[in-house]
């Protein structure tokens, strides 16, 4: 089974975005038969190294982990109706096609439900541009929903797990043909 990796684009360590993203990855992972906890790339810890012209060893390890994911949950808080600049800086370090063979799930945590479309309009396209297969609508979760997170994530994972499983089979089949 492929690895499940969570990429967290919140600039604050220990953020609610990280809590939601890890819970989403764990819940989905269980539904697709992956019981190990997800690997987590928390960009808050890498923030001082990301703008440097040369990548640091920590950034290189994070990039490799993201490139090697079977399933990648990409999470960010919503700032001004889009994802964070920190996430953008990290994703810009990946060359085009770097996520080919990866099933990606965009996730945004938002303060206002009016930002719900940002997950589809802004985050999904950059993941597709990087080569990821994004088989399901992204998850937009309002901060007000966090106290009842399990009640929201269970039905979401039940709904997307069949699509993620089919996408994983498709990407594994393409790898076997190469």
C-alpha atoms as a PDB file:
ATOM      1  CA  UNK A   1       0.000   0.000   0.000  1.00  0.00           C
ATOM      2  CA  UNK A   2       1.219   3.485  -0.801  1.00  0.00           C
ATOM      3  CA  UNK A   3       2.098   5.928   1.929  1.00  0.00           C
ATOM      4  CA  UNK A   4      -0.248   8.627   3.154  1.00  0.00           C
ATOM      5  CA  UNK A   5       1.435  12.007   3.633  1.00  0.00           C
ATOM      6  CA  UNK A   6      -0.047  15.189   5.029  1.00  0.00           C
ATOM      7  CA  UNK A   7       1.349  18.528   3.846  1.00  0.00           C
ATOM      8  CA  UNK A   8       0.369  21.376   6.185  1.00  0.00           C
ATOM      9  CA  UNK A   9       0.731  24.927   4.875  1.00  0.00           C
ATOM     10  CA  UNK A  10      -0.122  26.847   8.030  1.00  0.00           C
ATOM     11  CA  UNK A  11       2.699  29.162   9.206  1.00  0.00           C
ATOM     12  CA  UNK A  12       1.803  28.471  12.863  1.00  0.00           C
ATOM     13  CA  UNK A  13       3.150  25.379  14.596  1.00  0.00           C
ATOM     14  CA  UNK A  14       0.528  23.230  16.308  1.00  0.00           C
ATOM     15  CA  UNK A  15      -2.219  24.798  14.180  1.00  0.00           C
ATOM     16  CA  UNK A  16      -5.841  23.757  13.865  1.00  0.00           C
ATOM     17  CA  UNK A  17      -5.074  23.169  10.190  1.00  0.00           C
ATOM     18  CA  UNK A  18      -2.551  20.509  11.185  1.00  0.00           C
ATOM     19  CA  UNK A  19      -5.057  18.908  13.559  1.00  0.00           C
ATOM     20  CA  UNK A  20      -7.709  18.760  10.844  1.00  0.00           C
ATOM     21  CA  UNK A  21      -5.300  17.554   8.150  1.00  0.00           C
ATOM     22  CA  UNK A  22      -3.841  14.744  10.233  1.00  0.00           C
ATOM     23  CA  UNK A  23      -7.307  13.629  11.355  1.00  0.00           C
ATOM     24  CA  UNK A  24      -8.510  13.667   7.732  1.00  0.00           C
ATOM     25  CA  UNK A  25      -5.488  11.653   6.563  1.00  0.00           C
ATOM     26  CA  UNK A  26      -5.902   9.123   9.390  1.00  0.00           C
ATOM     27  CA  UNK A  27      -9.633   8.749   8.778  1.00  0.00           C
ATOM     28  CA  UNK A  28      -9.197   8.324   5.037  1.00  0.00           C
ATOM     29  CA  UNK A  29      -6.168   6.069   5.512  1.00  0.00           C
ATOM     30  CA  UNK A  30      -8.233   3.649   7.600  1.00  0.00           C
ATOM     31  CA  UNK A  31     -10.955   3.606   4.916  1.00  0.00           C
ATOM     32  CA  UNK A  32      -8.463   2.675   2.196  1.00  0.00           C
ATOM     33  CA  UNK A  33      -6.705   0.020   4.282  1.00  0.00           C
ATOM     34  CA  UNK A  34      -3.697   1.991   5.492  1.00  0.00           C
ATOM     35  CA  UNK A  35      -3.519   1.833   9.291  1.00  0.00           C
ATOM     36  CA  UNK A  36      -0.128   3.459   9.844  1.00  0.00           C
ATOM     37  CA  UNK A  37      -0.265   7.105  10.900  1.00  0.00           C
ATOM     38  CA  UNK A  38       0.358   9.513   8.047  1.00  0.00           C
ATOM     39  CA  UNK A  39       3.739  11.120   7.575  1.00  0.00           C
ATOM     40  CA  UNK A  40       3.436  14.855   8.252  1.00  0.00           C
ATOM     41  CA  UNK A  41       5.281  17.678   6.525  1.00  0.00           C
ATOM     42  CA  UNK A  42       4.497  20.764   8.610  1.00  0.00           C
ATOM     43  CA  UNK A  43       5.747  23.808   6.743  1.00  0.00           C
ATOM     44  CA  UNK A  44       5.724  25.932   9.915  1.00  0.00           C
ATOM     45  CA  UNK A  45       8.957  24.181  10.911  1.00  0.00           C
ATOM     46  CA  UNK A  46      10.477  24.746   7.474  1.00  0.00           C
ATOM     47  CA  UNK A  47       9.392  28.386   7.058  1.00  0.00           C
ATOM     48  CA  UNK A  48      12.825  29.929   7.768  1.00  0.00           C
ATOM     49  CA  UNK A  49      14.446  27.679   5.131  1.00  0.00           C
ATOM     50  CA  UNK A  50      11.915  27.937   2.290  1.00  0.00           C
ATOM     51  CA  UNK A  51      12.761  31.374   0.872  1.00  0.00           C
ATOM     52  CA  UNK A  52      16.495  30.610   0.697  1.00  0.00           C
ATOM     53  CA  UNK A  53      17.816  30.250  -2.869  1.00  0.00           C
ATOM     54  CA  UNK A  54      19.373  26.865  -2.091  1.00  0.00           C
ATOM     55  CA  UNK A  55      17.293  24.166  -0.460  1.00  0.00           C
ATOM     56  CA  UNK A  56      18.267  23.075   3.020  1.00  0.00           C
ATOM     57  CA  UNK A  57      18.530  19.380   3.916  1.00  0.00           C
ATOM     58  CA  UNK A  58      15.228  19.651   5.836  1.00  0.00           C
ATOM     59  CA  UNK A  59      13.452  21.087   2.789  1.00  0.00           C
ATOM     60  CA  UNK A  60      14.935  18.411   0.522  1.00  0.00           C
ATOM     61  CA  UNK A  61      13.677  15.653   2.859  1.00  0.00           C
ATOM     62  CA  UNK A  62      10.210  17.235   2.895  1.00  0.00           C
ATOM     63  CA  UNK A  63      10.139  17.553  -0.901  1.00  0.00           C
ATOM     64  CA  UNK A  64      11.161  13.911  -1.301  1.00  0.00           C
ATOM     65  CA  UNK A  65       8.488  12.764   1.158  1.00  0.00           C
ATOM     66  CA  UNK A  66       5.817  14.718  -0.721  1.00  0.00           C
ATOM     67  CA  UNK A  67       7.019  13.456  -4.131  1.00  0.00           C
ATOM     68  CA  UNK A  68       6.939   9.869  -2.862  1.00  0.00           C
ATOM     69  CA  UNK A  69       3.443   9.944  -1.401  1.00  0.00           C
ATOM     70  CA  UNK A  70       0.800   7.606  -2.718  1.00  0.00           C
ATOM     71  CA  UNK A  71      -1.904   9.756  -1.144  1.00  0.00           C
ATOM     72  CA  UNK A  72      -1.143  13.380  -0.345  1.00  0.00           C
ATOM     73  CA  UNK A  73      -3.494  15.466   1.811  1.00  0.00           C
ATOM     74  CA  UNK A  74      -2.581  19.106   1.139  1.00  0.00           C
ATOM     75  CA  UNK A  75      -3.987  21.424   3.801  1.00  0.00           C
ATOM     76  CA  UNK A  76      -3.961  25.151   4.368  1.00  0.00           C
ATOM     77  CA  UNK A  77      -5.954  27.744   6.204  1.00  0.00           C
ATOM     78  CA  UNK A  78      -7.756  30.080   3.855  1.00  0.00           C
ATOM     79  CA  UNK A  79      -6.229  33.540   3.717  1.00  0.00           C
ATOM     80  CA  UNK A  80      -7.914  36.111   1.477  1.00  0.00           C
ATOM     81  CA  UNK A  81      -9.883  33.339  -0.273  1.00  0.00           C
ATOM     82  CA  UNK A  82      -6.872  31.188  -1.176  1.00  0.00           C
ATOM     83  CA  UNK A  83      -4.141  29.050   0.407  1.00  0.00           C
ATOM     84  CA  UNK A  84      -1.113  30.433   2.237  1.00  0.00           C
ATOM     85  CA  UNK A  85       1.980  31.918   0.648  1.00  0.00           C
ATOM     86  CA  UNK A  86       4.035  29.444   2.671  1.00  0.00           C
ATOM     87  CA  UNK A  87       2.350  26.546   0.887  1.00  0.00           C
ATOM     88  CA  UNK A  88       2.849  28.303  -2.462  1.00  0.00           C
ATOM     89  CA  UNK A  89       6.577  28.781  -1.807  1.00  0.00           C
ATOM     90  CA  UNK A  90       6.928  25.077  -0.994  1.00  0.00           C
ATOM     91  CA  UNK A  91       4.907  23.897  -3.997  1.00  0.00           C
ATOM     92  CA  UNK A  92       6.953  26.191  -6.251  1.00  0.00           C
ATOM     93  CA  UNK A  93      10.024  24.113  -5.365  1.00  0.00           C
ATOM     94  CA  UNK A  94       8.439  21.101  -7.069  1.00  0.00           C
ATOM     95  CA  UNK A  95       9.019  20.850 -10.811  1.00  0.00           C
ATOM     96  CA  UNK A  96       6.114  20.278 -13.180  1.00  0.00           C
ATOM     97  CA  UNK A  97       5.013  16.651 -13.077  1.00  0.00           C
ATOM     98  CA  UNK A  98       6.621  16.045  -9.664  1.00  0.00           C
ATOM     99  CA  UNK A  99       3.361  14.647  -8.283  1.00  0.00           C
ATOM    100  CA  UNK A 100       2.651  12.291 -11.183  1.00  0.00           C
ATOM    101  CA  UNK A 101       1.438   9.024  -9.661  1.00  0.00           C
ATOM    102  CA  UNK A 102       0.236  10.781  -6.505  1.00  0.00           C
ATOM    103  CA  UNK A 103      -3.415  10.943  -5.497  1.00  0.00           C
ATOM    104  CA  UNK A 104      -3.900  14.371  -3.915  1.00  0.00           C
ATOM    105  CA  UNK A 105      -6.715  15.665  -1.758  1.00  0.00           C
ATOM    106  CA  UNK A 106      -6.909  19.434  -1.235  1.00  0.00           C
ATOM    107  CA  UNK A 107      -8.201  20.632   2.132  1.00  0.00           C
ATOM    108  CA  UNK A 108      -8.832  24.179   3.331  1.00  0.00           C
ATOM    109  CA  UNK A 109      -9.766  25.302   6.829  1.00  0.00           C
ATOM    110  CA  UNK A 110     -11.725  28.524   6.580  1.00  0.00           C
ATOM    111  CA  UNK A 111     -13.021  31.129   8.958  1.00  0.00           C
ATOM    112  CA  UNK A 112     -15.921  32.023   6.707  1.00  0.00           C
ATOM    113  CA  UNK A 113     -17.961  29.576   4.606  1.00  0.00           C
ATOM    114  CA  UNK A 114     -17.910  32.099   1.748  1.00  0.00           C
ATOM    115  CA  UNK A 115     -14.366  30.859   1.031  1.00  0.00           C
ATOM    116  CA  UNK A 116     -15.493  27.274   0.345  1.00  0.00           C
ATOM    117  CA  UNK A 117     -14.859  27.465  -3.411  1.00  0.00           C
ATOM    118  CA  UNK A 118     -11.197  28.372  -2.880  1.00  0.00           C
ATOM    119  CA  UNK A 119     -10.317  24.701  -2.458  1.00  0.00           C
ATOM    120  CA  UNK A 120     -11.512  24.016  -6.016  1.00  0.00           C
ATOM    121  CA  UNK A 121     -10.583  27.296  -7.669  1.00  0.00           C
ATOM    122  CA  UNK A 122      -7.092  27.767  -6.223  1.00  0.00           C
ATOM    123  CA  UNK A 123      -5.661  24.659  -4.560  1.00  0.00           C
ATOM    124  CA  UNK A 124      -6.874  21.902  -6.897  1.00  0.00           C
ATOM    125  CA  UNK A 125      -5.408  23.512 -10.063  1.00  0.00           C
ATOM    126  CA  UNK A 126      -1.888  23.816  -8.643  1.00  0.00           C
ATOM    127  CA  UNK A 127      -1.939  20.146  -7.599  1.00  0.00           C
ATOM    128  CA  UNK A 128      -3.131  19.110 -11.062  1.00  0.00           C
ATOM    129  CA  UNK A 129      -0.443  21.329 -12.632  1.00  0.00           C
ATOM    130  CA  UNK A 130       2.142  19.394 -10.605  1.00  0.00           C
ATOM    131  CA  UNK A 131       0.820  16.134 -12.072  1.00  0.00           C
ATOM    132  CA  UNK A 132      -1.298  14.892  -9.171  1.00  0.00           C
ATOM    133  CA  UNK A 133      -4.509  12.997  -9.741  1.00  0.00           C
ATOM    134  CA  UNK A 134      -7.239  14.792  -7.750  1.00  0.00           C
ATOM    135  CA  UNK A 135     -10.197  12.372  -7.987  1.00  0.00           C
ATOM    136  CA  UNK A 136     -12.576  14.025  -5.538  1.00  0.00           C
ATOM    137  CA  UNK A 137     -13.828  17.475  -4.674  1.00  0.00           C
ATOM    138  CA  UNK A 138     -11.624  19.183  -2.116  1.00  0.00           C
ATOM    139  CA  UNK A 139     -12.669  19.423   1.510  1.00  0.00           C
ATOM    140  CA  UNK A 140     -13.514  22.903   2.771  1.00  0.00           C
ATOM    141  CA  UNK A 141     -14.001  22.841   6.527  1.00  0.00           C
ATOM    142  CA  UNK A 142     -15.196  25.820   8.534  1.00  0.00           C
ATOM    143  CA  UNK A 143     -13.378  26.511  11.797  1.00  0.00           C
ATOM    144  CA  UNK A 144     -16.776  26.253  13.521  1.00  0.00           C
ATOM    145  CA  UNK A 145     -16.906  22.570  12.467  1.00  0.00           C
ATOM    146  CA  UNK A 146     -13.657  21.611  14.209  1.00  0.00           C
ATOM    147  CA  UNK A 147     -15.269  20.723  17.572  1.00  0.00           C
ATOM    148  CA  UNK A 148     -17.351  18.074  15.736  1.00  0.00           C
ATOM    149  CA  UNK A 149     -14.490  17.008  13.461  1.00  0.00           C
ATOM    150  CA  UNK A 150     -15.091  13.252  13.645  1.00  0.00           C
ATOM    151  CA  UNK A 151     -18.740  13.711  12.670  1.00  0.00           C
ATOM    152  CA  UNK A 152     -17.648  15.649   9.573  1.00  0.00           C
ATOM    153  CA  UNK A 153     -14.650  13.527   8.562  1.00  0.00           C
ATOM    154  CA  UNK A 154     -16.306  10.101   8.809  1.00  0.00           C
ATOM    155  CA  UNK A 155     -18.954  10.766   6.137  1.00  0.00           C
ATOM    156  CA  UNK A 156     -16.389  12.618   3.994  1.00  0.00           C
ATOM    157  CA  UNK A 157     -13.969   9.673   4.107  1.00  0.00           C
ATOM    158  CA  UNK A 158     -16.774   7.205   3.375  1.00  0.00           C
ATOM    159  CA  UNK A 159     -17.716   9.253   0.307  1.00  0.00           C
ATOM    160  CA  UNK A 160     -14.200   9.762  -1.129  1.00  0.00           C
ATOM    161  CA  UNK A 161     -12.520   6.455  -0.202  1.00  0.00           C
ATOM    162  CA  UNK A 162     -13.874   4.527  -3.213  1.00  0.00           C
ATOM    163  CA  UNK A 163     -12.642   7.253  -5.588  1.00  0.00           C
ATOM    164  CA  UNK A 164      -9.236   7.393  -3.884  1.00  0.00           C
ATOM    165  CA  UNK A 165      -8.917   3.601  -4.017  1.00  0.00           C
ATOM    166  CA  UNK A 166      -9.814   3.577  -7.723  1.00  0.00           C
ATOM    167  CA  UNK A 167      -7.323   6.396  -8.391  1.00  0.00           C
ATOM    168  CA  UNK A 168      -4.587   4.505  -6.534  1.00  0.00           C
ATOM    169  CA  UNK A 169      -5.270   1.429  -8.667  1.00  0.00           C
ATOM    170  CA  UNK A 170      -5.098   3.593 -11.776  1.00  0.00           C
ATOM    171  CA  UNK A 171      -1.769   5.176 -10.809  1.00  0.00           C
ATOM    172  CA  UNK A 172      -0.327   1.800  -9.828  1.00  0.00           C
ATOM    173  CA  UNK A 173      -1.486   0.371 -13.166  1.00  0.00           C
ATOM    174  CA  UNK A 174       0.209   3.202 -15.049  1.00  0.00           C
ATOM    175  CA  UNK A 175       3.427   2.594 -13.143  1.00  0.00           C
ATOM    176  CA  UNK A 176       3.342  -1.100 -14.090  1.00  0.00           C
ATOM    177  CA  UNK A 177       2.955  -0.183 -17.771  1.00  0.00           C
ATOM    178  CA  UNK A 178       5.936   2.186 -17.756  1.00  0.00           C
END
